[in-house]
Amino acid sequence: MRRFIAPAALTLLFACTTFGAGGGGMAGGDSYSRVQPASSAEQARLSYNAGVRGVEKADRLGADAALQTDGKKRHKLLDKARAGYTGALRKFTRATELDPAMHEAWNYVGYTSRKLGDYQAALGAYDRALSLEPGYALAIEYRGHAYLGLNRLADAKNAYLALFAGNRQLAAQLLGAMQGWVGEHRDNPSGVDVASLEAFASWVSERGAIASQTATLTREGISTTW
């Protein structure tokens, strides 16, 4: 889910000066225009939108890499995706410098930091986004992914439950990530003891069943959102 922010139209400042030609010749005109510098808020929007475009491209590269069977091609695509996330992170960071109250930019500082493996920085950015916009569903979901990356399973559960109460679509996406986490850690339970892994797997399975049973009870099914 990508969210662009439409920038306000830039104000144009026109100034024209006419110069007369000497010796009785025909008068000539020369005009020029200057663009009034964009406000910090407008610059922040532009930087944010550029970051979103960078994330979209990096996500596509990452998805393509996941489908590759050739190791060299996969590695090359992942390197390009990482470079894309790095560039996007710079754009989002710049947006927060220009407009510290832009919660969407803080959310994507978290997203790109997480994609680059810096989970602690990601959590800090998500917390900042949520302090500016309490209940911001996208940040709650993304923070849930970061909790999974840190094996903070209780926090990931709470993130899911918060989403399930108000945004079934994002809750479903986080639940899918939880199912993927379980599959990966059953193959390689690094950092997680078997008992905790199986308890979490059971919880995820139960929540999946509940989500399926209750989807039709909402007006729009699983796509119900805040």
C-alpha atoms as a PDB file:
ATOM      1  CA  MET A   1       0.000   0.000   0.000  1.00  0.00           C
ATOM      2  CA  ARG A   2       1.684   3.170  -1.171  1.00  0.00           C
ATOM      3  CA  ARG A   3       0.438   6.612  -0.302  1.00  0.00           C
ATOM      4  CA  PHE A   4       1.557   9.629  -2.304  1.00  0.00           C
ATOM      5  CA  ILE A   5       0.988  13.153  -1.041  1.00  0.00           C
ATOM      6  CA  ALA A   6      -0.094  15.721  -3.631  1.00  0.00           C
ATOM      7  CA  PRO A   7       2.115  18.834  -3.421  1.00  0.00           C
ATOM      8  CA  ALA A   8       0.550  22.278  -3.557  1.00  0.00           C
ATOM      9  CA  ALA A   9       0.987  24.108  -6.859  1.00  0.00           C
ATOM     10  CA  LEU A  10       4.152  26.166  -6.901  1.00  0.00           C
ATOM     11  CA  THR A  11       3.625  29.915  -7.067  1.00  0.00           C
ATOM     12  CA  LEU A  12       5.210  31.508 -10.100  1.00  0.00           C
ATOM     13  CA  LEU A  13       6.633  35.011  -9.878  1.00  0.00           C
ATOM     14  CA  PHE A  14       6.953  36.745 -13.245  1.00  0.00           C
ATOM     15  CA  ALA A  15       8.967  39.914 -13.821  1.00  0.00           C
ATOM     16  CA  CYS A  16       9.413  41.449 -17.247  1.00  0.00           C
ATOM     17  CA  THR A  17      11.864  44.149 -18.269  1.00  0.00           C
ATOM     18  CA  THR A  18      11.959  45.789 -21.698  1.00  0.00           C
ATOM     19  CA  PHE A  19      15.156  47.220 -23.073  1.00  0.00           C
ATOM     20  CA  GLY A  20      15.109  49.861 -25.878  1.00  0.00           C
ATOM     21  CA  ALA A  21      17.510  49.534 -28.796  1.00  0.00           C
ATOM     22  CA  GLY A  22      19.546  52.662 -29.591  1.00  0.00           C
ATOM     23  CA  GLY A  23      19.973  54.491 -32.935  1.00  0.00           C
ATOM     24  CA  GLY A  24      16.243  54.612 -33.634  1.00  0.00           C
ATOM     25  CA  GLY A  25      16.047  50.890 -34.137  1.00  0.00           C
ATOM     26  CA  MET A  26      13.046  48.689 -33.220  1.00  0.00           C
ATOM     27  CA  ALA A  27      12.541  48.210 -29.516  1.00  0.00           C
ATOM     28  CA  GLY A  28      13.252  44.687 -28.343  1.00  0.00           C
ATOM     29  CA  GLY A  29      11.792  42.811 -25.326  1.00  0.00           C
ATOM     30  CA  ASP A  30      13.397  40.333 -23.001  1.00  0.00           C
ATOM     31  CA  SER A  31      11.374  38.645 -20.280  1.00  0.00           C
ATOM     32  CA  TYR A  32      12.225  36.127 -17.649  1.00  0.00           C
ATOM     33  CA  SER A  33      10.418  34.241 -14.947  1.00  0.00           C
ATOM     34  CA  ARG A  34      11.520  33.108 -11.567  1.00  0.00           C
ATOM     35  CA  VAL A  35      10.002  30.290  -9.574  1.00  0.00           C
ATOM     36  CA  GLN A  36       9.348  31.225  -5.999  1.00  0.00           C
ATOM     37  CA  PRO A  37      11.152  28.740  -3.762  1.00  0.00           C
ATOM     38  CA  ALA A  38       8.849  26.020  -2.484  1.00  0.00           C
ATOM     39  CA  SER A  39       7.996  26.048   1.185  1.00  0.00           C
ATOM     40  CA  SER A  40       9.574  23.485   3.491  1.00  0.00           C
ATOM     41  CA  ALA A  41       6.281  21.591   3.578  1.00  0.00           C
ATOM     42  CA  GLU A  42       6.142  21.449  -0.227  1.00  0.00           C
ATOM     43  CA  GLN A  43       9.758  20.330  -0.444  1.00  0.00           C
ATOM     44  CA  ALA A  44       9.000  17.645   2.146  1.00  0.00           C
ATOM     45  CA  ARG A  45       6.094  16.365   0.048  1.00  0.00           C
ATOM     46  CA  LEU A  46       8.248  16.225  -3.056  1.00  0.00           C
ATOM     47  CA  SER A  47      11.001  14.354  -1.216  1.00  0.00           C
ATOM     48  CA  TYR A  48       8.447  11.976   0.309  1.00  0.00           C
ATOM     49  CA  ASN A  49       6.857  11.198  -3.063  1.00  0.00           C
ATOM     50  CA  ALA A  50      10.272  10.555  -4.595  1.00  0.00           C
ATOM     51  CA  GLY A  51      10.935   8.149  -1.736  1.00  0.00           C
ATOM     52  CA  VAL A  52       7.666   6.308  -2.357  1.00  0.00           C
ATOM     53  CA  ARG A  53       8.606   5.833  -6.002  1.00  0.00           C
ATOM     54  CA  GLY A  54      11.981   4.473  -4.880  1.00  0.00           C
ATOM     55  CA  VAL A  55      10.302   2.025  -2.508  1.00  0.00           C
ATOM     56  CA  GLU A  56       7.956   0.790  -5.225  1.00  0.00           C
ATOM     57  CA  LYS A  57      10.898   0.064  -7.519  1.00  0.00           C
ATOM     58  CA  ALA A  58      12.910  -1.610  -4.760  1.00  0.00           C
ATOM     59  CA  ASP A  59       9.921  -3.759  -3.765  1.00  0.00           C
ATOM     60  CA  ARG A  60       9.544  -4.929  -7.363  1.00  0.00           C
ATOM     61  CA  LEU A  61      13.226  -5.821  -7.518  1.00  0.00           C
ATOM     62  CA  GLY A  62      12.936  -7.751  -4.266  1.00  0.00           C
ATOM     63  CA  ALA A  63       9.899  -9.639  -5.552  1.00  0.00           C
ATOM     64  CA  ASP A  64      11.734 -10.494  -8.760  1.00  0.00           C
ATOM     65  CA  ALA A  65      14.738 -11.711  -6.759  1.00  0.00           C
ATOM     66  CA  ALA A  66      12.525 -14.068  -4.764  1.00  0.00           C
ATOM     67  CA  LEU A  67      11.461 -15.753  -8.010  1.00  0.00           C
ATOM     68  CA  GLN A  68      14.997 -16.242  -9.313  1.00  0.00           C
ATOM     69  CA  THR A  69      16.560 -19.696  -9.349  1.00  0.00           C
ATOM     70  CA  ASP A  70      19.898 -18.364 -10.603  1.00  0.00           C
ATOM     71  CA  GLY A  71      21.921 -17.363  -7.557  1.00  0.00           C
ATOM     72  CA  LYS A  72      23.952 -14.687  -9.320  1.00  0.00           C
ATOM     73  CA  LYS A  73      20.886 -13.015 -10.795  1.00  0.00           C
ATOM     74  CA  ARG A  74      19.127 -13.155  -7.457  1.00  0.00           C
ATOM     75  CA  HIS A  75      22.092 -11.549  -5.690  1.00  0.00           C
ATOM     76  CA  LYS A  76      22.291  -8.814  -8.320  1.00  0.00           C
ATOM     77  CA  LEU A  77      18.596  -7.996  -7.970  1.00  0.00           C
ATOM     78  CA  LEU A  78      18.868  -7.922  -4.180  1.00  0.00           C
ATOM     79  CA  ASP A  79      21.811  -5.523  -4.423  1.00  0.00           C
ATOM     80  CA  LYS A  80      19.753  -3.231  -6.637  1.00  0.00           C
ATOM     81  CA  ALA A  81      16.811  -3.450  -4.245  1.00  0.00           C
ATOM     82  CA  ARG A  82      19.058  -2.564  -1.309  1.00  0.00           C
ATOM     83  CA  ALA A  83      20.421   0.436  -3.196  1.00  0.00           C
ATOM     84  CA  GLY A  84      16.846   1.491  -3.920  1.00  0.00           C
ATOM     85  CA  TYR A  85      15.848   1.281  -0.256  1.00  0.00           C
ATOM     86  CA  THR A  86      18.972   3.215   0.725  1.00  0.00           C
ATOM     87  CA  GLY A  87      18.125   6.021  -1.682  1.00  0.00           C
ATOM     88  CA  ALA A  88      14.498   6.059  -0.585  1.00  0.00           C
ATOM     89  CA  LEU A  89      15.536   6.227   3.076  1.00  0.00           C
ATOM     90  CA  ARG A  90      17.530   9.376   2.313  1.00  0.00           C
ATOM     91  CA  LYS A  91      14.451  10.914   0.691  1.00  0.00           C
ATOM     92  CA  PHE A  92      12.194  10.078   3.629  1.00  0.00           C
ATOM     93  CA  THR A  93      14.760  11.279   6.150  1.00  0.00           C
ATOM     94  CA  ARG A  94      15.004  14.560   4.271  1.00  0.00           C
ATOM     95  CA  ALA A  95      11.226  14.860   4.335  1.00  0.00           C
ATOM     96  CA  THR A  96      11.194  14.482   8.121  1.00  0.00           C
ATOM     97  CA  GLU A  97      13.889  17.133   8.423  1.00  0.00           C
ATOM     98  CA  LEU A  98      11.826  19.548   6.367  1.00  0.00           C
ATOM     99  CA  ASP A  99       8.523  18.628   8.029  1.00  0.00           C
ATOM    100  CA  PRO A 100       9.047  16.822  11.355  1.00  0.00           C
ATOM    101  CA  ALA A 101       5.266  16.395  11.750  1.00  0.00           C
ATOM    102  CA  MET A 102       4.853  14.307   8.567  1.00  0.00           C
ATOM    103  CA  HIS A 103       3.872  10.967  10.065  1.00  0.00           C
ATOM    104  CA  GLU A 104       3.778   9.255   6.656  1.00  0.00           C
ATOM    105  CA  ALA A 105       7.459  10.048   6.114  1.00  0.00           C
ATOM    106  CA  TRP A 106       8.397   8.709   9.544  1.00  0.00           C
ATOM    107  CA  ASN A 107       6.487   5.539   8.723  1.00  0.00           C
ATOM    108  CA  TYR A 108       8.569   5.025   5.592  1.00  0.00           C
ATOM    109  CA  VAL A 109      11.788   5.826   7.409  1.00  0.00           C
ATOM    110  CA  GLY A 110      10.785   2.794   9.433  1.00  0.00           C
ATOM    111  CA  TYR A 111       9.874   0.730   6.377  1.00  0.00           C
ATOM    112  CA  THR A 112      13.132   1.357   4.529  1.00  0.00           C
ATOM    113  CA  SER A 113      15.224   0.937   7.694  1.00  0.00           C
ATOM    114  CA  ARG A 114      13.551  -2.429   8.257  1.00  0.00           C
ATOM    115  CA  LYS A 115      14.181  -3.503   4.670  1.00  0.00           C
ATOM    116  CA  LEU A 116      17.851  -2.640   5.214  1.00  0.00           C
ATOM    117  CA  GLY A 117      17.941  -4.771   8.364  1.00  0.00           C
ATOM    118  CA  ASP A 118      18.054  -1.958  10.930  1.00  0.00           C
ATOM    119  CA  TYR A 119      15.109  -3.058  13.054  1.00  0.00           C
ATOM    120  CA  GLN A 120      15.846  -0.836  16.032  1.00  0.00           C
ATOM    121  CA  ALA A 121      15.895   2.289  13.860  1.00  0.00           C
ATOM    122  CA  ALA A 122      12.705   1.064  12.217  1.00  0.00           C
ATOM    123  CA  LEU A 123      10.925   0.705  15.560  1.00  0.00           C
ATOM    124  CA  GLY A 124      11.993   4.191  16.582  1.00  0.00           C
ATOM    125  CA  ALA A 125      10.591   5.639  13.364  1.00  0.00           C
ATOM    126  CA  TYR A 126       7.309   3.733  13.664  1.00  0.00           C
ATOM    127  CA  ASP A 127       6.944   4.944  17.237  1.00  0.00           C
ATOM    128  CA  ARG A 128       7.490   8.510  16.046  1.00  0.00           C
ATOM    129  CA  ALA A 129       4.838   8.097  13.326  1.00  0.00           C
ATOM    130  CA  LEU A 130       2.359   6.728  15.851  1.00  0.00           C
ATOM    131  CA  SER A 131       3.082   9.506  18.331  1.00  0.00           C
ATOM    132  CA  LEU A 132       2.136  11.979  15.598  1.00  0.00           C
ATOM    133  CA  GLU A 133      -0.851   9.971  14.341  1.00  0.00           C
ATOM    134  CA  PRO A 134      -2.119   7.581  17.034  1.00  0.00           C
ATOM    135  CA  GLY A 135      -3.786   4.524  15.573  1.00  0.00           C
ATOM    136  CA  TYR A 136      -2.064   4.924  12.183  1.00  0.00           C
ATOM    137  CA  ALA A 137      -2.844   1.459  10.813  1.00  0.00           C
ATOM    138  CA  LEU A 138      -0.034   1.206   8.279  1.00  0.00           C
ATOM    139  CA  ALA A 139       2.597   1.974  10.920  1.00  0.00           C
ATOM    140  CA  ILE A 140       1.030  -0.598  13.251  1.00  0.00           C
ATOM    141  CA  GLU A 141       1.290  -3.230  10.531  1.00  0.00           C
ATOM    142  CA  TYR A 142       4.850  -2.341   9.548  1.00  0.00           C
ATOM    143  CA  ARG A 143       5.907  -2.269  13.193  1.00  0.00           C
ATOM    144  CA  GLY A 144       4.442  -5.763  13.524  1.00  0.00           C
ATOM    145  CA  HIS A 145       6.781  -6.932  10.758  1.00  0.00           C
ATOM    146  CA  ALA A 146       9.716  -5.374  12.613  1.00  0.00           C
ATOM    147  CA  TYR A 147       8.711  -7.189  15.804  1.00  0.00           C
ATOM    148  CA  LEU A 148       8.785 -10.452  13.853  1.00  0.00           C
ATOM    149  CA  GLY A 149      12.254  -9.611  12.577  1.00  0.00           C
ATOM    150  CA  LEU A 150      13.394  -9.222  16.186  1.00  0.00           C
ATOM    151  CA  ASN A 151      11.506 -12.358  17.340  1.00  0.00           C
ATOM    152  CA  ARG A 152       9.392 -10.182  19.644  1.00  0.00           C
ATOM    153  CA  LEU A 153       6.415 -12.472  19.287  1.00  0.00           C
ATOM    154  CA  ALA A 154       4.213 -11.019  22.044  1.00  0.00           C
ATOM    155  CA  ASP A 155       4.522  -7.543  20.513  1.00  0.00           C
ATOM    156  CA  ALA A 156       3.775  -8.933  17.055  1.00  0.00           C
ATOM    157  CA  LYS A 157       0.619 -10.565  18.424  1.00  0.00           C
ATOM    158  CA  ASN A 158      -0.526  -7.277  19.951  1.00  0.00           C
ATOM    159  CA  ALA A 159       0.060  -5.503  16.642  1.00  0.00           C
ATOM    160  CA  TYR A 160      -2.099  -8.068  14.875  1.00  0.00           C
ATOM    161  CA  LEU A 161      -4.894  -7.810  17.430  1.00  0.00           C
ATOM    162  CA  ALA A 162      -4.895  -4.013  17.156  1.00  0.00           C
ATOM    163  CA  LEU A 163      -5.243  -4.274  13.372  1.00  0.00           C
ATOM    164  CA  PHE A 164      -7.854  -7.018  13.532  1.00  0.00           C
ATOM    165  CA  ALA A 165     -10.069  -4.715  15.572  1.00  0.00           C
ATOM    166  CA  GLY A 166     -10.095  -2.012  12.916  1.00  0.00           C
ATOM    167  CA  ASN A 167      -8.389  -2.940   9.660  1.00  0.00           C
ATOM    168  CA  ARG A 168      -8.913  -6.514   8.502  1.00  0.00           C
ATOM    169  CA  GLN A 169      -6.989  -6.014   5.257  1.00  0.00           C
ATOM    170  CA  LEU A 170      -3.756  -4.983   6.984  1.00  0.00           C
ATOM    171  CA  ALA A 171      -4.346  -7.578   9.698  1.00  0.00           C
ATOM    172  CA  ALA A 172      -4.476 -10.249   6.980  1.00  0.00           C
ATOM    173  CA  GLN A 173      -1.172  -9.025   5.541  1.00  0.00           C
ATOM    174  CA  LEU A 174       0.509  -9.195   8.933  1.00  0.00           C
ATOM    175  CA  LEU A 175      -0.964 -12.637   9.563  1.00  0.00           C
ATOM    176  CA  GLY A 176       0.506 -13.778   6.247  1.00  0.00           C
ATOM    177  CA  ALA A 177       3.911 -12.538   7.380  1.00  0.00           C
ATOM    178  CA  MET A 178       3.463 -14.412  10.659  1.00  0.00           C
ATOM    179  CA  GLN A 179       2.699 -17.612   8.762  1.00  0.00           C
ATOM    180  CA  GLY A 180       5.807 -17.075   6.678  1.00  0.00           C
ATOM    181  CA  TRP A 181       7.868 -16.453   9.825  1.00  0.00           C
ATOM    182  CA  VAL A 182       6.675 -19.750  11.298  1.00  0.00           C
ATOM    183  CA  GLY A 183       7.622 -21.648   8.145  1.00  0.00           C
ATOM    184  CA  GLU A 184      11.083 -20.093   8.004  1.00  0.00           C
ATOM    185  CA  HIS A 185      11.839 -20.728  11.667  1.00  0.00           C
ATOM    186  CA  ARG A 186      10.688 -24.325  11.529  1.00  0.00           C
ATOM    187  CA  ASP A 187      13.366 -24.821   8.897  1.00  0.00           C
ATOM    188  CA  ASN A 188      15.888 -22.792  10.899  1.00  0.00           C
ATOM    189  CA  PRO A 189      14.778 -21.980  14.464  1.00  0.00           C
ATOM    190  CA  SER A 190      17.630 -19.528  15.062  1.00  0.00           C
ATOM    191  CA  GLY A 191      17.050 -17.362  18.126  1.00  0.00           C
ATOM    192  CA  VAL A 192      13.757 -19.029  19.074  1.00  0.00           C
ATOM    193  CA  ASP A 193      13.262 -22.059  21.305  1.00  0.00           C
ATOM    194  CA  VAL A 194      11.076 -24.845  19.969  1.00  0.00           C
ATOM    195  CA  ALA A 195       8.384 -24.429  22.622  1.00  0.00           C
ATOM    196  CA  SER A 196       7.944 -20.718  21.859  1.00  0.00           C
ATOM    197  CA  LEU A 197       7.935 -21.407  18.146  1.00  0.00           C
ATOM    198  CA  GLU A 198       5.228 -24.035  18.380  1.00  0.00           C
ATOM    199  CA  ALA A 199       3.125 -21.944  20.753  1.00  0.00           C
ATOM    200  CA  PHE A 200       3.287 -19.033  18.324  1.00  0.00           C
ATOM    201  CA  ALA A 201       2.515 -21.332  15.383  1.00  0.00           C
ATOM    202  CA  SER A 202      -0.576 -22.582  17.212  1.00  0.00           C
ATOM    203  CA  TRP A 203      -1.699 -19.011  17.946  1.00  0.00           C
ATOM    204  CA  VAL A 204      -1.223 -17.994  14.309  1.00  0.00           C
ATOM    205  CA  SER A 205      -3.245 -20.999  13.156  1.00  0.00           C
ATOM    206  CA  GLU A 206      -6.056 -20.167  15.576  1.00  0.00           C
ATOM    207  CA  ARG A 207      -6.124 -16.519  14.496  1.00  0.00           C
ATOM    208  CA  GLY A 208      -6.287 -17.595  10.866  1.00  0.00           C
ATOM    209  CA  ALA A 209      -9.325 -19.733  11.603  1.00  0.00           C
ATOM    210  CA  ILE A 210     -11.010 -16.905  13.527  1.00  0.00           C
ATOM    211  CA  ALA A 211     -10.338 -14.449  10.703  1.00  0.00           C
ATOM    212  CA  SER A 212     -11.895 -16.817   8.172  1.00  0.00           C
ATOM    213  CA  GLN A 213     -14.950 -17.441  10.335  1.00  0.00           C
ATOM    214  CA  THR A 214     -15.625 -13.786  11.089  1.00  0.00           C
ATOM    215  CA  ALA A 215     -14.779 -12.227   7.706  1.00  0.00           C
ATOM    216  CA  THR A 216     -18.369 -12.469   6.493  1.00  0.00           C
ATOM    217  CA  LEU A 217     -19.697 -10.831   9.676  1.00  0.00           C
ATOM    218  CA  THR A 218     -18.343  -7.434   8.628  1.00  0.00           C
ATOM    219  CA  ARG A 219     -20.051  -5.287   6.043  1.00  0.00           C
ATOM    220  CA  GLU A 220     -17.130  -5.478   3.610  1.00  0.00           C
ATOM    221  CA  GLY A 221     -15.560  -8.735   4.750  1.00  0.00           C
ATOM    222  CA  ILE A 222     -11.834  -8.843   5.097  1.00  0.00           C
ATOM    223  CA  SER A 223     -11.371  -5.482   3.348  1.00  0.00           C
ATOM    224  CA  THR A 224     -13.010  -3.586   6.200  1.00  0.00           C
ATOM    225  CA  THR A 225     -10.773  -0.674   7.171  1.00  0.00           C
ATOM    226  CA  TRP A 226     -10.782   2.302   9.460  1.00  0.00           C
END
